[in-house]
């Protein structure tokens, strides 16, 4: 029985960014004795059902989530570069309510918040925070970004704001992939957690299954950013540490954060979403003015036919009767 769960994991459904195939990820986690595994693709939930089924098949507990993009101002704002920057935030489903809320957030991000990426904002998140666990994300999160800018007060403000929405379900993420900036923000992150009374979790920003896959993931990134592999100043992920690590490797990366490693299990235990398959859930509809639904549908069809086929013959009417029956 392992004492660590990966809570920050990108699959191939993080398009042109994640290089981890779901079956390989799940099998690898199982082979290392891990009992649960999360999916947190960038801004999307396409992979959730495949992931859920693959986990259940292997006897691994699926933790369903998403790494969302948070707009710097309102998700409606689209004014050049100031709105192109966005923060990352990890959201994980505790239950059915959380799952419904995450689907709403994902849909709204595409329908009403899209600007380079599907975005939400803190206002929308506050309305749909029930049933979700929130983690402070990687270096691209608002809290680490404020710390990198040497603005502790702003980092603290963001942490308190998010904690206000999620309470004990808000955790500060600690990461170490050998990136200098990650080492730089660790003391600040631990200090904020202590100051606001939040727990920490250790995560690895998983983008591929094993270190050998780093090169393939780098090629995907080049395709996404339309750059050549041999270009010197292009966007790249530093090093080859973005793989599904064992518990021992995670303890090695952050040796002083023993409690934060155990807290990953606490988060996994909170997330008990069961997805029901094979059940048809038809939306309920109530006709206006207390009218019977079937009669209301017929009336709408009759009105529509009068408009579209004012000279409808008996064949058309017979067809309508057949379709309604």
C-alpha atoms as a PDB file:
ATOM      1  CA  UNK A   1       0.000   0.000   0.000  1.00  0.00           C
ATOM      2  CA  UNK A   2       1.604   3.255  -1.151  1.00  0.00           C
ATOM      3  CA  UNK A   3       1.603   6.519   0.779  1.00  0.00           C
ATOM      4  CA  UNK A   4       1.709   8.825  -2.211  1.00  0.00           C
ATOM      5  CA  UNK A   5      -0.721   9.732  -4.984  1.00  0.00           C
ATOM      6  CA  UNK A   6       0.025  11.763  -8.106  1.00  0.00           C
ATOM      7  CA  UNK A   7      -2.486  14.647  -8.139  1.00  0.00           C
ATOM      8  CA  UNK A   8      -1.103  16.654 -11.092  1.00  0.00           C
ATOM      9  CA  UNK A   9      -1.113  14.555 -14.274  1.00  0.00           C
ATOM     10  CA  UNK A  10      -1.421  15.455 -17.961  1.00  0.00           C
ATOM     11  CA  UNK A  11      -2.437  12.780 -20.461  1.00  0.00           C
ATOM     12  CA  UNK A  12      -2.407  12.858 -24.254  1.00  0.00           C
ATOM     13  CA  UNK A  13      -5.654  14.842 -23.950  1.00  0.00           C
ATOM     14  CA  UNK A  14      -3.572  17.892 -22.937  1.00  0.00           C
ATOM     15  CA  UNK A  15      -3.237  18.354 -26.677  1.00  0.00           C
ATOM     16  CA  UNK A  16       0.294  18.878 -28.042  1.00  0.00           C
ATOM     17  CA  UNK A  17       1.541  19.130 -24.457  1.00  0.00           C
ATOM     18  CA  UNK A  18       0.954  15.822 -22.696  1.00  0.00           C
ATOM     19  CA  UNK A  19       2.643  12.704 -24.083  1.00  0.00           C
ATOM     20  CA  UNK A  20       1.282  10.200 -21.558  1.00  0.00           C
ATOM     21  CA  UNK A  21      -1.122   7.569 -22.874  1.00  0.00           C
ATOM     22  CA  UNK A  22      -3.804   6.735 -20.318  1.00  0.00           C
ATOM     23  CA  UNK A  23      -3.390   2.909 -20.229  1.00  0.00           C
ATOM     24  CA  UNK A  24       0.402   3.277 -19.834  1.00  0.00           C
ATOM     25  CA  UNK A  25       0.016   5.814 -17.025  1.00  0.00           C
ATOM     26  CA  UNK A  26      -2.425   3.673 -15.064  1.00  0.00           C
ATOM     27  CA  UNK A  27      -0.359   0.481 -15.485  1.00  0.00           C
ATOM     28  CA  UNK A  28       2.805   2.327 -14.405  1.00  0.00           C
ATOM     29  CA  UNK A  29       1.125   3.724 -11.275  1.00  0.00           C
ATOM     30  CA  UNK A  30      -0.144   0.247 -10.390  1.00  0.00           C
ATOM     31  CA  UNK A  31       3.251  -1.375 -10.960  1.00  0.00           C
ATOM     32  CA  UNK A  32       4.775   1.102  -8.480  1.00  0.00           C
ATOM     33  CA  UNK A  33       2.218   0.160  -5.814  1.00  0.00           C
ATOM     34  CA  UNK A  34       0.253   3.404  -6.052  1.00  0.00           C
ATOM     35  CA  UNK A  35      -3.421   2.977  -5.216  1.00  0.00           C
ATOM     36  CA  UNK A  36      -4.887   6.140  -6.760  1.00  0.00           C
ATOM     37  CA  UNK A  37      -4.111   8.466  -9.670  1.00  0.00           C
ATOM     38  CA  UNK A  38      -5.412  11.830 -10.861  1.00  0.00           C
ATOM     39  CA  UNK A  39      -6.079  13.244 -14.322  1.00  0.00           C
ATOM     40  CA  UNK A  40      -5.688  17.034 -14.644  1.00  0.00           C
ATOM     41  CA  UNK A  41      -5.520  17.922 -18.309  1.00  0.00           C
ATOM     42  CA  UNK A  42      -5.158  21.541 -19.388  1.00  0.00           C
ATOM     43  CA  UNK A  43      -8.581  23.186 -19.605  1.00  0.00           C
ATOM     44  CA  UNK A  44     -10.365  20.063 -20.886  1.00  0.00           C
ATOM     45  CA  UNK A  45     -12.150  16.949 -19.663  1.00  0.00           C
ATOM     46  CA  UNK A  46     -12.004  14.903 -22.886  1.00  0.00           C
ATOM     47  CA  UNK A  47      -9.972  12.124 -21.292  1.00  0.00           C
ATOM     48  CA  UNK A  48     -12.039  11.681 -18.124  1.00  0.00           C
ATOM     49  CA  UNK A  49     -14.187   8.710 -19.168  1.00  0.00           C
ATOM     50  CA  UNK A  50     -11.287   6.770 -20.749  1.00  0.00           C
ATOM     51  CA  UNK A  51      -9.192   7.467 -17.660  1.00  0.00           C
ATOM     52  CA  UNK A  52     -11.952   6.472 -15.232  1.00  0.00           C
ATOM     53  CA  UNK A  53     -12.536   3.157 -17.026  1.00  0.00           C
ATOM     54  CA  UNK A  54      -8.792   2.395 -17.305  1.00  0.00           C
ATOM     55  CA  UNK A  55      -8.309   3.011 -13.572  1.00  0.00           C
ATOM     56  CA  UNK A  56     -11.286   0.869 -12.580  1.00  0.00           C
ATOM     57  CA  UNK A  57     -10.010  -1.922 -14.827  1.00  0.00           C
ATOM     58  CA  UNK A  58      -6.632  -1.905 -13.038  1.00  0.00           C
ATOM     59  CA  UNK A  59      -8.093  -1.521  -9.530  1.00  0.00           C
ATOM     60  CA  UNK A  60      -6.746   2.023  -9.162  1.00  0.00           C
ATOM     61  CA  UNK A  61      -8.886   4.767  -7.650  1.00  0.00           C
ATOM     62  CA  UNK A  62      -9.454   7.480 -10.285  1.00  0.00           C
ATOM     63  CA  UNK A  63      -9.236  11.087  -9.107  1.00  0.00           C
ATOM     64  CA  UNK A  64     -10.992  13.188 -11.728  1.00  0.00           C
ATOM     65  CA  UNK A  65      -9.870  16.761 -12.248  1.00  0.00           C
ATOM     66  CA  UNK A  66      -8.629  19.490 -14.556  1.00  0.00           C
ATOM     67  CA  UNK A  67      -5.912  22.133 -14.605  1.00  0.00           C
ATOM     68  CA  UNK A  68      -7.891  25.218 -15.424  1.00  0.00           C
ATOM     69  CA  UNK A  69      -6.716  28.522 -16.889  1.00  0.00           C
ATOM     70  CA  UNK A  70      -7.708  31.522 -14.759  1.00  0.00           C
ATOM     71  CA  UNK A  71      -8.014  34.897 -16.512  1.00  0.00           C
ATOM     72  CA  UNK A  72      -5.992  37.765 -14.958  1.00  0.00           C
ATOM     73  CA  UNK A  73      -9.097  39.978 -14.856  1.00  0.00           C
ATOM     74  CA  UNK A  74     -12.559  38.893 -15.997  1.00  0.00           C
ATOM     75  CA  UNK A  75     -12.908  35.925 -18.358  1.00  0.00           C
ATOM     76  CA  UNK A  76     -14.855  38.342 -20.622  1.00  0.00           C
ATOM     77  CA  UNK A  77     -11.799  40.621 -21.041  1.00  0.00           C
ATOM     78  CA  UNK A  78      -9.848  40.182 -24.281  1.00  0.00           C
ATOM     79  CA  UNK A  79      -7.568  43.195 -24.562  1.00  0.00           C
ATOM     80  CA  UNK A  80      -4.247  42.170 -26.043  1.00  0.00           C
ATOM     81  CA  UNK A  81      -1.300  40.901 -24.044  1.00  0.00           C
ATOM     82  CA  UNK A  82      -2.641  41.857 -20.600  1.00  0.00           C
ATOM     83  CA  UNK A  83      -5.415  39.265 -20.976  1.00  0.00           C
ATOM     84  CA  UNK A  84      -3.277  36.704 -22.735  1.00  0.00           C
ATOM     85  CA  UNK A  85      -1.430  35.853 -19.512  1.00  0.00           C
ATOM     86  CA  UNK A  86      -3.367  33.344 -17.418  1.00  0.00           C
ATOM     87  CA  UNK A  87      -2.774  31.442 -14.195  1.00  0.00           C
ATOM     88  CA  UNK A  88      -3.048  27.689 -13.699  1.00  0.00           C
ATOM     89  CA  UNK A  89      -5.126  26.097 -10.936  1.00  0.00           C
ATOM     90  CA  UNK A  90      -5.782  22.413 -10.198  1.00  0.00           C
ATOM     91  CA  UNK A  91      -9.371  21.340  -9.465  1.00  0.00           C
ATOM     92  CA  UNK A  92     -10.287  17.791  -8.359  1.00  0.00           C
ATOM     93  CA  UNK A  93     -13.770  16.284  -7.939  1.00  0.00           C
ATOM     94  CA  UNK A  94     -14.774  15.042  -4.499  1.00  0.00           C
ATOM     95  CA  UNK A  95     -18.213  13.848  -5.587  1.00  0.00           C
ATOM     96  CA  UNK A  96     -21.030  14.169  -8.120  1.00  0.00           C
ATOM     97  CA  UNK A  97     -21.588  17.854  -7.212  1.00  0.00           C
ATOM     98  CA  UNK A  98     -17.927  18.609  -7.877  1.00  0.00           C
ATOM     99  CA  UNK A  99     -18.087  16.734 -11.179  1.00  0.00           C
ATOM    100  CA  UNK A 100     -21.134  18.761 -12.280  1.00  0.00           C
ATOM    101  CA  UNK A 101     -19.378  21.986 -11.243  1.00  0.00           C
ATOM    102  CA  UNK A 102     -16.190  21.056 -13.076  1.00  0.00           C
ATOM    103  CA  UNK A 103     -18.180  20.357 -16.248  1.00  0.00           C
ATOM    104  CA  UNK A 104     -19.865  23.760 -15.932  1.00  0.00           C
ATOM    105  CA  UNK A 105     -16.492  25.484 -15.453  1.00  0.00           C
ATOM    106  CA  UNK A 106     -14.978  23.650 -18.438  1.00  0.00           C
ATOM    107  CA  UNK A 107     -17.951  24.482 -20.685  1.00  0.00           C
ATOM    108  CA  UNK A 108     -18.096  28.135 -19.619  1.00  0.00           C
ATOM    109  CA  UNK A 109     -14.335  28.441 -20.209  1.00  0.00           C
ATOM    110  CA  UNK A 110     -14.822  27.444 -23.854  1.00  0.00           C
ATOM    111  CA  UNK A 111     -18.153  29.153 -24.500  1.00  0.00           C
ATOM    112  CA  UNK A 112     -17.604  32.495 -22.770  1.00  0.00           C
ATOM    113  CA  UNK A 113     -13.998  32.709 -21.592  1.00  0.00           C
ATOM    114  CA  UNK A 114     -11.984  31.603 -24.624  1.00  0.00           C
ATOM    115  CA  UNK A 115      -9.036  33.859 -25.476  1.00  0.00           C
ATOM    116  CA  UNK A 116      -6.031  31.838 -26.741  1.00  0.00           C
ATOM    117  CA  UNK A 117      -7.065  29.293 -24.076  1.00  0.00           C
ATOM    118  CA  UNK A 118     -10.363  28.246 -22.449  1.00  0.00           C
ATOM    119  CA  UNK A 119     -10.423  30.492 -19.339  1.00  0.00           C
ATOM    120  CA  UNK A 120     -12.477  30.915 -16.199  1.00  0.00           C
ATOM    121  CA  UNK A 121     -12.130  33.653 -13.568  1.00  0.00           C
ATOM    122  CA  UNK A 122     -12.225  33.681  -9.771  1.00  0.00           C
ATOM    123  CA  UNK A 123     -15.783  35.019  -9.752  1.00  0.00           C
ATOM    124  CA  UNK A 124     -17.103  32.026 -11.716  1.00  0.00           C
ATOM    125  CA  UNK A 125     -14.966  29.651  -9.648  1.00  0.00           C
ATOM    126  CA  UNK A 126     -16.522  30.974  -6.444  1.00  0.00           C
ATOM    127  CA  UNK A 127     -19.993  30.145  -7.777  1.00  0.00           C
ATOM    128  CA  UNK A 128     -18.958  26.578  -8.659  1.00  0.00           C
ATOM    129  CA  UNK A 129     -16.474  25.605  -5.940  1.00  0.00           C
ATOM    130  CA  UNK A 130     -18.706  23.123  -4.099  1.00  0.00           C
ATOM    131  CA  UNK A 131     -17.548  19.502  -4.234  1.00  0.00           C
ATOM    132  CA  UNK A 132     -14.071  20.400  -5.485  1.00  0.00           C
ATOM    133  CA  UNK A 133     -10.576  20.219  -4.004  1.00  0.00           C
ATOM    134  CA  UNK A 134      -8.253  22.997  -5.190  1.00  0.00           C
ATOM    135  CA  UNK A 135      -4.442  22.848  -5.462  1.00  0.00           C
ATOM    136  CA  UNK A 136      -2.323  25.962  -6.045  1.00  0.00           C
ATOM    137  CA  UNK A 137      -0.734  24.531  -9.254  1.00  0.00           C
ATOM    138  CA  UNK A 138       2.741  24.705 -10.788  1.00  0.00           C
ATOM    139  CA  UNK A 139       4.975  27.750 -11.282  1.00  0.00           C
ATOM    140  CA  UNK A 140       2.282  29.147 -13.591  1.00  0.00           C
ATOM    141  CA  UNK A 141      -0.141  29.535 -10.660  1.00  0.00           C
ATOM    142  CA  UNK A 142      -0.942  33.001  -9.300  1.00  0.00           C
ATOM    143  CA  UNK A 143       0.681  32.290  -5.913  1.00  0.00           C
ATOM    144  CA  UNK A 144       4.092  31.086  -7.240  1.00  0.00           C
ATOM    145  CA  UNK A 145       4.071  33.890  -9.840  1.00  0.00           C
ATOM    146  CA  UNK A 146       3.622  36.527  -7.121  1.00  0.00           C
ATOM    147  CA  UNK A 147       6.436  34.931  -5.101  1.00  0.00           C
ATOM    148  CA  UNK A 148       8.725  34.966  -8.169  1.00  0.00           C
ATOM    149  CA  UNK A 149       8.010  38.691  -8.478  1.00  0.00           C
ATOM    150  CA  UNK A 150       9.052  39.070  -4.799  1.00  0.00           C
ATOM    151  CA  UNK A 151       5.509  40.138  -3.900  1.00  0.00           C
ATOM    152  CA  UNK A 152       4.704  38.045  -0.821  1.00  0.00           C
ATOM    153  CA  UNK A 153       1.643  40.146   0.047  1.00  0.00           C
ATOM    154  CA  UNK A 154       0.064  39.482  -3.346  1.00  0.00           C
ATOM    155  CA  UNK A 155       0.823  35.757  -3.048  1.00  0.00           C
ATOM    156  CA  UNK A 156      -0.807  35.766   0.402  1.00  0.00           C
ATOM    157  CA  UNK A 157      -3.817  37.674  -0.966  1.00  0.00           C
ATOM    158  CA  UNK A 158      -4.357  35.034  -3.696  1.00  0.00           C
ATOM    159  CA  UNK A 159      -3.958  32.191  -1.191  1.00  0.00           C
ATOM    160  CA  UNK A 160      -6.487  33.706   1.220  1.00  0.00           C
ATOM    161  CA  UNK A 161      -8.916  34.395  -1.605  1.00  0.00           C
ATOM    162  CA  UNK A 162      -8.814  30.802  -2.861  1.00  0.00           C
ATOM    163  CA  UNK A 163      -8.933  29.402   0.667  1.00  0.00           C
ATOM    164  CA  UNK A 164     -12.057  31.523   1.209  1.00  0.00           C
ATOM    165  CA  UNK A 165     -13.757  29.507  -1.548  1.00  0.00           C
ATOM    166  CA  UNK A 166     -12.496  26.025  -0.660  1.00  0.00           C
ATOM    167  CA  UNK A 167     -11.667  26.100   3.055  1.00  0.00           C
ATOM    168  CA  UNK A 168      -9.915  22.874   4.111  1.00  0.00           C
ATOM    169  CA  UNK A 169     -10.117  21.638   0.515  1.00  0.00           C
ATOM    170  CA  UNK A 170      -7.444  24.140  -0.584  1.00  0.00           C
ATOM    171  CA  UNK A 171      -3.870  22.821  -0.620  1.00  0.00           C
ATOM    172  CA  UNK A 172      -0.545  24.470  -1.466  1.00  0.00           C
ATOM    173  CA  UNK A 173       1.401  22.523  -4.095  1.00  0.00           C
ATOM    174  CA  UNK A 174       5.128  21.916  -3.673  1.00  0.00           C
ATOM    175  CA  UNK A 175       7.159  20.830  -6.721  1.00  0.00           C
ATOM    176  CA  UNK A 176      10.787  20.154  -7.506  1.00  0.00           C
ATOM    177  CA  UNK A 177      11.823  19.146 -11.025  1.00  0.00           C
ATOM    178  CA  UNK A 178      15.272  20.640 -10.547  1.00  0.00           C
ATOM    179  CA  UNK A 179      14.084  24.026 -11.870  1.00  0.00           C
ATOM    180  CA  UNK A 180      15.739  26.963 -10.038  1.00  0.00           C
ATOM    181  CA  UNK A 181      12.489  28.970  -9.823  1.00  0.00           C
ATOM    182  CA  UNK A 182      10.738  26.061  -8.097  1.00  0.00           C
ATOM    183  CA  UNK A 183      13.463  25.935  -5.431  1.00  0.00           C
ATOM    184  CA  UNK A 184      13.182  29.725  -5.122  1.00  0.00           C
ATOM    185  CA  UNK A 185       9.438  29.727  -4.298  1.00  0.00           C
ATOM    186  CA  UNK A 186       9.387  26.699  -1.946  1.00  0.00           C
ATOM    187  CA  UNK A 187      10.141  28.661   1.269  1.00  0.00           C
ATOM    188  CA  UNK A 188       7.450  31.233   0.396  1.00  0.00           C
ATOM    189  CA  UNK A 189       4.895  28.525  -0.353  1.00  0.00           C
ATOM    190  CA  UNK A 190       5.584  26.757   2.932  1.00  0.00           C
ATOM    191  CA  UNK A 191       5.383  30.073   4.800  1.00  0.00           C
ATOM    192  CA  UNK A 192       2.025  30.965   3.217  1.00  0.00           C
ATOM    193  CA  UNK A 193       0.634  27.520   4.064  1.00  0.00           C
ATOM    194  CA  UNK A 194       1.694  27.964   7.702  1.00  0.00           C
ATOM    195  CA  UNK A 195       0.330  31.512   7.856  1.00  0.00           C
ATOM    196  CA  UNK A 196      -3.158  30.672   6.551  1.00  0.00           C
ATOM    197  CA  UNK A 197      -3.317  27.211   8.122  1.00  0.00           C
ATOM    198  CA  UNK A 198      -3.488  25.335   4.815  1.00  0.00           C
ATOM    199  CA  UNK A 199      -1.911  21.935   4.211  1.00  0.00           C
ATOM    200  CA  UNK A 200       0.701  21.300   1.521  1.00  0.00           C
ATOM    201  CA  UNK A 201       0.820  18.500  -1.059  1.00  0.00           C
ATOM    202  CA  UNK A 202       3.836  17.324  -3.036  1.00  0.00           C
ATOM    203  CA  UNK A 203       3.136  16.933  -6.765  1.00  0.00           C
ATOM    204  CA  UNK A 204       5.065  16.199  -9.929  1.00  0.00           C
ATOM    205  CA  UNK A 205       3.884  17.994 -13.069  1.00  0.00           C
ATOM    206  CA  UNK A 206       3.488  14.752 -15.025  1.00  0.00           C
ATOM    207  CA  UNK A 207       3.548  15.128 -18.831  1.00  0.00           C
ATOM    208  CA  UNK A 208       4.877  11.683 -19.802  1.00  0.00           C
ATOM    209  CA  UNK A 209       5.212   8.214 -18.294  1.00  0.00           C
ATOM    210  CA  UNK A 210       8.998   7.701 -18.151  1.00  0.00           C
ATOM    211  CA  UNK A 211      12.124   9.921 -18.574  1.00  0.00           C
ATOM    212  CA  UNK A 212      12.683   8.354 -22.035  1.00  0.00           C
ATOM    213  CA  UNK A 213       9.509  10.103 -23.251  1.00  0.00           C
ATOM    214  CA  UNK A 214      10.873  13.616 -22.589  1.00  0.00           C
ATOM    215  CA  UNK A 215      12.095  13.995 -26.181  1.00  0.00           C
ATOM    216  CA  UNK A 216       8.727  13.012 -27.685  1.00  0.00           C
ATOM    217  CA  UNK A 217       6.969  15.519 -25.414  1.00  0.00           C
ATOM    218  CA  UNK A 218       9.436  18.206 -26.502  1.00  0.00           C
ATOM    219  CA  UNK A 219       8.540  17.558 -30.146  1.00  0.00           C
ATOM    220  CA  UNK A 220       4.829  17.941 -29.303  1.00  0.00           C
ATOM    221  CA  UNK A 221       5.615  21.281 -27.685  1.00  0.00           C
ATOM    222  CA  UNK A 222       7.426  22.393 -30.851  1.00  0.00           C
ATOM    223  CA  UNK A 223       4.392  21.503 -32.956  1.00  0.00           C
ATOM    224  CA  UNK A 224       2.144  23.473 -30.591  1.00  0.00           C
ATOM    225  CA  UNK A 225       4.379  26.569 -30.559  1.00  0.00           C
ATOM    226  CA  UNK A 226       5.309  26.239 -34.268  1.00  0.00           C
ATOM    227  CA  UNK A 227       9.047  26.204 -33.592  1.00  0.00           C
ATOM    228  CA  UNK A 228      11.910  23.938 -34.668  1.00  0.00           C
ATOM    229  CA  UNK A 229      13.501  21.505 -32.204  1.00  0.00           C
ATOM    230  CA  UNK A 230      16.994  22.990 -32.771  1.00  0.00           C
ATOM    231  CA  UNK A 231      15.949  26.630 -32.192  1.00  0.00           C
ATOM    232  CA  UNK A 232      17.940  28.059 -29.263  1.00  0.00           C
ATOM    233  CA  UNK A 233      15.414  30.389 -27.577  1.00  0.00           C
ATOM    234  CA  UNK A 234      12.173  28.475 -27.958  1.00  0.00           C
ATOM    235  CA  UNK A 235       9.744  27.422 -25.216  1.00  0.00           C
ATOM    236  CA  UNK A 236      10.789  24.113 -23.653  1.00  0.00           C
ATOM    237  CA  UNK A 237      10.266  22.229 -20.416  1.00  0.00           C
ATOM    238  CA  UNK A 238      13.514  22.172 -18.465  1.00  0.00           C
ATOM    239  CA  UNK A 239      14.998  18.723 -17.925  1.00  0.00           C
ATOM    240  CA  UNK A 240      13.384  15.288 -18.047  1.00  0.00           C
ATOM    241  CA  UNK A 241      11.716  15.187 -14.625  1.00  0.00           C
ATOM    242  CA  UNK A 242       8.096  15.540 -15.761  1.00  0.00           C
ATOM    243  CA  UNK A 243       7.408  11.801 -15.571  1.00  0.00           C
ATOM    244  CA  UNK A 244       5.312   9.552 -13.335  1.00  0.00           C
ATOM    245  CA  UNK A 245       7.721   9.145 -10.434  1.00  0.00           C
ATOM    246  CA  UNK A 246       7.712   6.498  -7.733  1.00  0.00           C
ATOM    247  CA  UNK A 247       7.027   7.433  -4.126  1.00  0.00           C
ATOM    248  CA  UNK A 248      10.762   7.014  -3.382  1.00  0.00           C
ATOM    249  CA  UNK A 249      11.662   9.424  -6.199  1.00  0.00           C
ATOM    250  CA  UNK A 250       9.146  11.957  -4.871  1.00  0.00           C
ATOM    251  CA  UNK A 251      10.616  11.692  -1.351  1.00  0.00           C
ATOM    252  CA  UNK A 252      14.051  12.259  -2.844  1.00  0.00           C
ATOM    253  CA  UNK A 253      12.873  15.386  -4.676  1.00  0.00           C
ATOM    254  CA  UNK A 254      11.386  16.985  -1.535  1.00  0.00           C
ATOM    255  CA  UNK A 255      12.927  15.190   1.449  1.00  0.00           C
ATOM    256  CA  UNK A 256      11.755  17.662   4.109  1.00  0.00           C
ATOM    257  CA  UNK A 257       8.098  17.566   3.058  1.00  0.00           C
ATOM    258  CA  UNK A 258       7.156  14.183   4.515  1.00  0.00           C
ATOM    259  CA  UNK A 259       3.746  15.412   5.694  1.00  0.00           C
ATOM    260  CA  UNK A 260       2.959  16.952   2.311  1.00  0.00           C
ATOM    261  CA  UNK A 261       3.593  13.558   0.691  1.00  0.00           C
ATOM    262  CA  UNK A 262       1.145  11.889   3.101  1.00  0.00           C
ATOM    263  CA  UNK A 263      -1.396  14.660   2.398  1.00  0.00           C
ATOM    264  CA  UNK A 264      -1.674  13.448  -1.202  1.00  0.00           C
ATOM    265  CA  UNK A 265      -3.412  10.351   0.184  1.00  0.00           C
ATOM    266  CA  UNK A 266      -5.742  12.562   2.219  1.00  0.00           C
ATOM    267  CA  UNK A 267      -6.769  14.374  -0.976  1.00  0.00           C
ATOM    268  CA  UNK A 268      -7.267  11.069  -2.831  1.00  0.00           C
ATOM    269  CA  UNK A 269      -9.466   9.802   0.017  1.00  0.00           C
ATOM    270  CA  UNK A 270     -11.638  12.926  -0.275  1.00  0.00           C
ATOM    271  CA  UNK A 271     -12.227  12.265  -3.976  1.00  0.00           C
ATOM    272  CA  UNK A 272     -14.806   9.498  -4.271  1.00  0.00           C
ATOM    273  CA  UNK A 273     -16.582  10.246  -7.526  1.00  0.00           C
ATOM    274  CA  UNK A 274     -18.535   7.334  -8.990  1.00  0.00           C
ATOM    275  CA  UNK A 275     -19.534   7.768 -12.642  1.00  0.00           C
ATOM    276  CA  UNK A 276     -22.611   5.764 -13.648  1.00  0.00           C
ATOM    277  CA  UNK A 277     -22.579   4.368 -17.180  1.00  0.00           C
ATOM    278  CA  UNK A 278     -25.441   2.969 -19.246  1.00  0.00           C
ATOM    279  CA  UNK A 279     -28.123   5.136 -17.637  1.00  0.00           C
ATOM    280  CA  UNK A 280     -30.105   7.476 -19.828  1.00  0.00           C
ATOM    281  CA  UNK A 281     -30.696  10.804 -18.154  1.00  0.00           C
ATOM    282  CA  UNK A 282     -33.248  12.741 -20.164  1.00  0.00           C
ATOM    283  CA  UNK A 283     -33.661  16.412 -19.269  1.00  0.00           C
ATOM    284  CA  UNK A 284     -36.981  17.115 -17.579  1.00  0.00           C
ATOM    285  CA  UNK A 285     -39.319  19.499 -19.379  1.00  0.00           C
ATOM    286  CA  UNK A 286     -42.472  21.127 -18.087  1.00  0.00           C
ATOM    287  CA  UNK A 287     -44.812  22.681 -20.646  1.00  0.00           C
ATOM    288  CA  UNK A 288     -46.050  26.219 -19.906  1.00  0.00           C
ATOM    289  CA  UNK A 289     -49.489  27.025 -18.431  1.00  0.00           C
ATOM    290  CA  UNK A 290     -49.893  23.532 -17.021  1.00  0.00           C
ATOM    291  CA  UNK A 291     -50.330  22.090 -20.514  1.00  0.00           C
ATOM    292  CA  UNK A 292     -49.660  18.403 -21.163  1.00  0.00           C
ATOM    293  CA  UNK A 293     -46.157  17.953 -22.710  1.00  0.00           C
ATOM    294  CA  UNK A 294     -47.413  15.835 -25.645  1.00  0.00           C
ATOM    295  CA  UNK A 295     -50.156  18.358 -26.502  1.00  0.00           C
ATOM    296  CA  UNK A 296     -47.683  21.233 -26.256  1.00  0.00           C
ATOM    297  CA  UNK A 297     -45.267  19.483 -28.620  1.00  0.00           C
ATOM    298  CA  UNK A 298     -48.079  18.869 -31.134  1.00  0.00           C
ATOM    299  CA  UNK A 299     -49.116  22.519 -30.962  1.00  0.00           C
ATOM    300  CA  UNK A 300     -45.534  23.675 -31.666  1.00  0.00           C
ATOM    301  CA  UNK A 301     -45.316  21.263 -34.615  1.00  0.00           C
ATOM    302  CA  UNK A 302     -48.640  22.429 -36.025  1.00  0.00           C
ATOM    303  CA  UNK A 303     -47.528  26.068 -35.771  1.00  0.00           C
ATOM    304  CA  UNK A 304     -44.200  25.215 -37.383  1.00  0.00           C
ATOM    305  CA  UNK A 305     -45.861  23.343 -40.223  1.00  0.00           C
ATOM    306  CA  UNK A 306     -48.263  26.207 -40.882  1.00  0.00           C
ATOM    307  CA  UNK A 307     -45.269  28.533 -41.172  1.00  0.00           C
ATOM    308  CA  UNK A 308     -42.965  26.320 -43.241  1.00  0.00           C
ATOM    309  CA  UNK A 309     -45.527  24.378 -45.292  1.00  0.00           C
ATOM    310  CA  UNK A 310     -48.621  26.606 -45.501  1.00  0.00           C
ATOM    311  CA  UNK A 311     -50.046  24.360 -48.264  1.00  0.00           C
ATOM    312  CA  UNK A 312     -49.201  21.061 -46.551  1.00  0.00           C
ATOM    313  CA  UNK A 313     -50.830  18.074 -48.237  1.00  0.00           C
ATOM    314  CA  UNK A 314     -52.237  14.979 -46.508  1.00  0.00           C
ATOM    315  CA  UNK A 315     -48.927  13.117 -46.985  1.00  0.00           C
ATOM    316  CA  UNK A 316     -47.064  15.775 -44.970  1.00  0.00           C
ATOM    317  CA  UNK A 317     -49.707  15.690 -42.225  1.00  0.00           C
ATOM    318  CA  UNK A 318     -49.607  11.901 -42.105  1.00  0.00           C
ATOM    319  CA  UNK A 319     -45.816  12.054 -41.806  1.00  0.00           C
ATOM    320  CA  UNK A 320     -46.079  14.523 -38.908  1.00  0.00           C
ATOM    321  CA  UNK A 321     -48.599  12.270 -37.127  1.00  0.00           C
ATOM    322  CA  UNK A 322     -46.253   9.309 -37.624  1.00  0.00           C
ATOM    323  CA  UNK A 323     -43.208  11.179 -36.272  1.00  0.00           C
ATOM    324  CA  UNK A 324     -45.110  12.411 -33.224  1.00  0.00           C
ATOM    325  CA  UNK A 325     -46.460   8.929 -32.512  1.00  0.00           C
END
